[in-house]
Amino acid sequence: MEESKLLKLDKVNMEFSDGKDTLQVLNDISIEVNKGEFITILGPSGCGKSTLLNLIAGFEKPLSGEVLFLGEKVEGPDFNRGFVFQDPTLYPWLTIKDNIAFGLKMRNVEKETIERLCSDFIKEVGLDGFLNRYPYELSGGMKQRAALARVLVNKPMMMLMDEPLGALDAVTRKSMRELIKSLWEHTGCTIIMVTHDIEEALELATRLIVLKSRPSYIVKEYTDFSDEEKITEEIWQWLK
């Protein structure tokens, strides 16, 4: 695999069956992702965007085709592909510090290193002073900041984000967009983010991928965002 290539999806198909009916979700999805890209994925509700992220994360396996990370077949989750959910999914019985440190402890990272990294990344996400608070004491936006720190503290090569701003109010959402873009620029982490928000997708992406409704296939990719009005009109037609 070329040095800049991080991820490759090769003719990936996915379906779900309940024993009676079969639902085809993804149809021949092929994507190559370079290191340092910020990719946003748009598509109609229920088209399989989250399923696509789950396959990349290793939470699920494709019906056919391959998902390759650094040239190796993805067989399961790995800290190098960190996942940020719409719901922050913080452990309510742990402090923010212990939530952020959880993955590092599972990997048996030295205590001194954990202390340093937690301190560094809590500042990165703007939660300095909240290390000893519990999730119930934080607002929705603050919880999502903690969730970001929990992923980034492991220094993953790729961060997968499944509508991470979907549950936030408009003001908080805007500030979180700015934070995510800043973190991407500062860390160099490759990001793939699913969103329903066209404006958000255009603002953050270096490449935007649009999926057509189920069984989903890639209908368009954008890397030139100079005419946002035209792009927005086109995307609305595909999202119907």
Protein backbone atom coordinates (compact mmCIF):
# COMPACT_ATOMS: atom_id res chain seq x y z
CA MET A 1 0.00 0.00 0.00
CA GLU A 2 1.26 3.50 -0.83
CA GLU A 3 2.69 5.37 2.15
CA SER A 4 -0.10 7.96 2.15
CA LYS A 5 -2.89 5.37 1.96
CA LEU A 6 -4.47 4.62 5.32
CA LEU A 7 -7.78 2.91 4.54
CA LYS A 8 -9.25 1.05 1.58
CA LEU A 9 -12.76 -0.27 1.11
CA ASP A 10 -12.89 -2.56 -1.92
CA LYS A 11 -16.33 -3.38 -3.35
CA VAL A 12 -17.93 -3.67 0.09
CA ASN A 13 -21.44 -5.09 0.27
CA MET A 14 -23.56 -5.41 3.40
CA GLU A 15 -26.99 -6.78 4.21
CA PHE A 16 -28.98 -7.70 7.29
CA SER A 17 -31.40 -10.59 7.68
CA ASP A 18 -33.89 -11.50 10.40
CA GLY A 19 -34.29 -15.04 9.04
CA LYS A 20 -37.30 -14.10 6.92
CA ASP A 21 -36.46 -10.88 5.14
CA THR A 22 -33.13 -9.61 3.86
CA LEU A 23 -32.26 -5.93 3.68
CA GLN A 24 -29.41 -4.93 1.38
CA VAL A 25 -27.74 -1.86 2.88
CA LEU A 26 -24.47 -1.19 1.04
CA ASN A 27 -23.80 -1.91 -2.62
CA ASP A 28 -20.23 -2.12 -3.98
CA ILE A 29 -18.77 0.67 -1.85
CA SER A 30 -15.15 1.45 -2.77
CA ILE A 31 -13.24 4.22 -1.00
CA GLU A 32 -9.57 5.00 -0.50
CA VAL A 33 -8.59 7.32 2.35
CA ASN A 34 -5.26 9.12 2.59
CA LYS A 35 -3.56 10.07 5.83
CA GLY A 36 -4.63 13.48 7.08
CA GLU A 37 -7.93 13.70 5.18
CA PHE A 38 -11.14 14.96 6.75
CA ILE A 39 -13.96 13.09 5.02
CA THR A 40 -17.62 13.80 5.66
CA ILE A 41 -20.35 11.38 4.55
CA LEU A 42 -23.89 12.49 3.72
CA GLY A 43 -26.88 10.38 2.75
CA PRO A 44 -30.61 9.91 3.38
CA SER A 45 -31.67 8.66 6.80
CA GLY A 46 -31.33 4.88 7.05
CA CYS A 47 -29.10 4.56 3.99
CA GLY A 48 -26.28 2.80 5.86
CA LYS A 49 -23.90 5.60 6.83
CA SER A 50 -23.49 4.28 10.38
CA THR A 51 -23.12 0.72 9.06
CA LEU A 52 -20.27 1.93 6.89
CA LEU A 53 -18.51 3.42 9.92
CA ASN A 54 -19.11 0.23 11.91
CA LEU A 55 -17.40 -1.80 9.18
CA ILE A 56 -14.40 0.53 9.19
CA ALA A 57 -14.24 0.38 12.98
CA GLY A 58 -14.36 -3.42 12.94
CA PHE A 59 -17.63 -3.66 14.88
CA GLU A 60 -19.15 -5.58 11.95
CA LYS A 61 -17.83 -7.55 8.97
CA PRO A 62 -18.96 -7.04 5.38
CA LEU A 63 -21.02 -9.60 3.50
CA SER A 64 -18.44 -9.36 0.70
CA GLY A 65 -15.55 -7.14 -0.25
CA GLU A 66 -12.69 -6.01 1.96
CA VAL A 67 -11.96 -3.30 4.50
CA LEU A 68 -8.20 -2.77 4.72
CA PHE A 69 -6.39 -0.58 7.25
CA LEU A 70 -2.70 -0.02 6.51
CA GLY A 71 -2.99 -2.85 4.02
CA GLU A 72 -4.28 -5.34 6.58
CA LYS A 73 -7.81 -6.74 6.69
CA VAL A 74 -9.88 -5.24 9.49
CA GLU A 75 -10.87 -8.08 11.82
CA GLY A 76 -12.08 -6.14 14.85
CA PRO A 77 -11.85 -2.85 16.78
CA ASP A 78 -8.48 -1.21 17.33
CA PHE A 79 -7.42 1.93 19.21
CA ASN A 80 -5.90 3.27 15.98
CA ARG A 81 -9.47 3.68 14.71
CA GLY A 82 -11.11 5.64 17.52
CA PHE A 83 -14.90 6.01 17.51
CA VAL A 84 -16.98 8.98 18.67
CA PHE A 85 -20.70 8.25 18.94
CA GLN A 86 -23.63 10.68 18.84
CA ASP A 87 -24.21 9.85 22.50
CA PRO A 88 -20.96 10.49 24.42
CA THR A 89 -21.37 7.07 26.17
CA LEU A 90 -19.25 8.11 29.15
CA TYR A 91 -19.22 5.75 32.12
CA PRO A 92 -21.41 7.56 34.70
CA TRP A 93 -19.61 6.01 37.70
CA LEU A 94 -16.20 7.29 36.57
CA THR A 95 -14.81 10.81 36.79
CA ILE A 96 -14.02 12.63 33.55
CA LYS A 97 -10.34 11.90 34.13
CA ASP A 98 -10.98 8.17 34.59
CA ASN A 99 -13.23 8.12 31.53
CA ILE A 100 -10.49 9.68 29.42
CA ALA A 101 -7.85 7.37 30.89
CA PHE A 102 -9.90 4.20 30.45
CA GLY A 103 -8.44 3.09 27.11
CA LEU A 104 -4.89 3.86 28.20
CA LYS A 105 -5.33 1.75 31.33
CA MET A 106 -6.69 -1.14 29.26
CA ARG A 107 -3.50 -0.96 27.19
CA ASN A 108 -1.35 -0.95 30.36
CA VAL A 109 0.17 2.45 29.65
CA GLU A 110 2.41 3.68 32.48
CA LYS A 111 0.68 5.75 35.16
CA GLU A 112 2.94 8.78 34.65
CA THR A 113 2.19 8.78 30.92
CA ILE A 114 -1.55 8.51 31.58
CA GLU A 115 -1.41 11.49 33.95
CA ARG A 116 0.45 13.59 31.39
CA LEU A 117 -1.76 12.65 28.45
CA CYS A 118 -4.99 13.19 30.37
CA SER A 119 -3.79 16.60 31.48
CA ASP A 120 -2.75 17.54 27.94
CA PHE A 121 -5.93 16.42 26.20
CA ILE A 122 -8.34 17.81 28.78
CA LYS A 123 -6.81 21.19 27.93
CA GLU A 124 -7.00 20.45 24.20
CA VAL A 125 -10.77 20.06 24.39
CA GLY A 126 -11.32 23.01 26.73
CA LEU A 127 -12.26 21.09 29.90
CA ASP A 128 -9.34 22.09 32.10
CA GLY A 129 -10.54 22.06 35.71
CA PHE A 130 -13.19 19.38 35.14
CA LEU A 131 -11.04 16.26 35.50
CA ASN A 132 -12.60 15.26 38.82
CA ARG A 133 -16.21 15.95 37.82
CA TYR A 134 -18.67 13.22 36.89
CA PRO A 135 -20.57 13.08 33.58
CA TYR A 136 -23.89 14.09 35.19
CA GLU A 137 -22.27 17.38 36.20
CA LEU A 138 -21.46 18.34 32.59
CA SER A 139 -23.58 19.78 29.79
CA GLY A 140 -24.14 17.88 26.55
CA GLY A 141 -21.41 19.80 24.76
CA MET A 142 -18.95 19.26 27.60
CA LYS A 143 -19.67 15.53 27.62
CA GLN A 144 -18.93 15.35 23.90
CA ARG A 145 -15.68 17.23 24.48
CA ALA A 146 -14.76 14.59 27.05
CA ALA A 147 -15.67 11.85 24.56
CA LEU A 148 -13.33 13.46 22.01
CA ALA A 149 -10.53 13.57 24.57
CA ARG A 150 -11.14 9.91 25.45
CA VAL A 151 -10.52 8.95 21.81
CA LEU A 152 -7.68 11.37 21.03
CA VAL A 153 -5.69 10.57 24.18
CA ASN A 154 -4.94 7.19 22.57
CA LYS A 155 -3.41 9.04 19.61
CA PRO A 156 -5.31 7.07 16.96
CA MET A 157 -4.37 7.30 13.31
CA MET A 158 -8.05 7.67 12.40
CA MET A 159 -11.11 9.00 14.21
CA LEU A 160 -14.58 7.83 13.15
CA MET A 161 -17.45 10.12 14.13
CA ASP A 162 -21.10 9.09 13.88
CA GLU A 163 -23.14 12.31 13.95
CA PRO A 164 -21.25 13.53 17.03
CA LEU A 165 -23.01 16.91 17.03
CA GLY A 166 -26.54 15.70 16.24
CA ALA A 167 -27.89 15.99 19.78
CA LEU A 168 -26.47 19.47 20.49
CA ASP A 169 -28.13 22.87 20.23
CA ALA A 170 -27.15 25.23 17.41
CA VAL A 171 -24.77 27.41 19.44
CA THR A 172 -22.96 24.47 21.03
CA ARG A 173 -22.84 22.73 17.67
CA LYS A 174 -21.04 25.67 16.08
CA SER A 175 -18.39 25.82 18.80
CA MET A 176 -17.91 22.04 18.57
CA ARG A 177 -17.36 22.28 14.81
CA GLU A 178 -14.59 24.79 15.45
CA LEU A 179 -13.08 22.53 18.11
CA ILE A 180 -13.14 19.44 15.87
CA LYS A 181 -11.51 21.34 13.01
CA SER A 182 -8.86 22.71 15.36
CA LEU A 183 -8.13 19.25 16.80
CA TRP A 184 -7.85 17.80 13.29
CA GLU A 185 -5.39 20.50 12.25
CA HIS A 186 -3.37 20.17 15.45
CA THR A 187 -3.19 16.38 15.76
CA GLY A 188 -3.02 15.39 12.09
CA CYS A 189 -5.53 12.60 12.82
CA THR A 190 -7.48 11.39 9.79
CA ILE A 191 -11.22 11.88 10.34
CA ILE A 192 -14.28 10.26 8.75
CA MET A 193 -17.49 11.84 9.97
CA VAL A 194 -21.12 11.00 9.24
CA THR A 195 -23.52 13.93 9.38
CA HIS A 196 -26.99 14.96 8.22
CA ASP A 197 -25.99 18.63 8.08
CA ILE A 198 -24.87 19.81 4.62
CA GLU A 199 -23.41 23.07 5.94
CA GLU A 200 -21.44 21.14 8.54
CA ALA A 201 -20.16 18.68 5.93
CA LEU A 202 -19.01 21.48 3.64
CA GLU A 203 -17.38 23.47 6.44
CA LEU A 204 -15.27 20.61 7.79
CA ALA A 205 -14.45 18.34 4.87
CA THR A 206 -11.46 18.09 2.60
CA ARG A 207 -13.58 15.50 0.75
CA LEU A 208 -17.35 15.00 0.89
CA ILE A 209 -18.94 11.68 -0.09
CA VAL A 210 -22.67 11.47 -0.88
CA LEU A 211 -24.53 8.16 -0.62
CA LYS A 212 -27.76 7.41 -2.48
CA SER A 213 -30.61 5.66 -0.70
CA ARG A 214 -30.56 1.94 0.12
CA PRO A 215 -28.98 -0.20 -1.16
CA SER A 216 -26.48 2.63 -0.87
CA TYR A 217 -23.83 3.46 -3.40
CA ILE A 218 -21.58 6.46 -3.83
CA VAL A 219 -23.34 8.92 -6.09
CA LYS A 220 -20.86 11.81 -5.87
CA GLU A 221 -17.60 12.94 -4.28
CA TYR A 222 -16.57 16.57 -3.81
CA THR A 223 -13.13 18.01 -3.18
CA ASP A 224 -13.74 21.47 -4.68
CA PHE A 225 -16.06 23.51 -2.47
CA SER A 226 -15.74 26.85 -4.28
CA ASP A 227 -19.43 26.86 -5.30
CA GLU A 228 -21.18 25.81 -2.10
CA GLU A 229 -24.60 26.96 -3.31
CA LYS A 230 -24.49 24.68 -6.36
CA ILE A 231 -23.19 21.75 -4.30
CA THR A 232 -25.93 22.23 -1.72
CA GLU A 233 -28.64 22.21 -4.41
CA GLU A 234 -27.24 19.00 -5.92
CA ILE A 235 -27.01 17.25 -2.56
CA TRP A 236 -30.59 18.15 -1.64
CA GLN A 237 -31.78 16.38 -4.79
CA TRP A 238 -29.92 13.20 -3.79
CA LEU A 239 -31.07 13.33 -0.18
CA LYS A 240 -34.76 13.31 -1.13
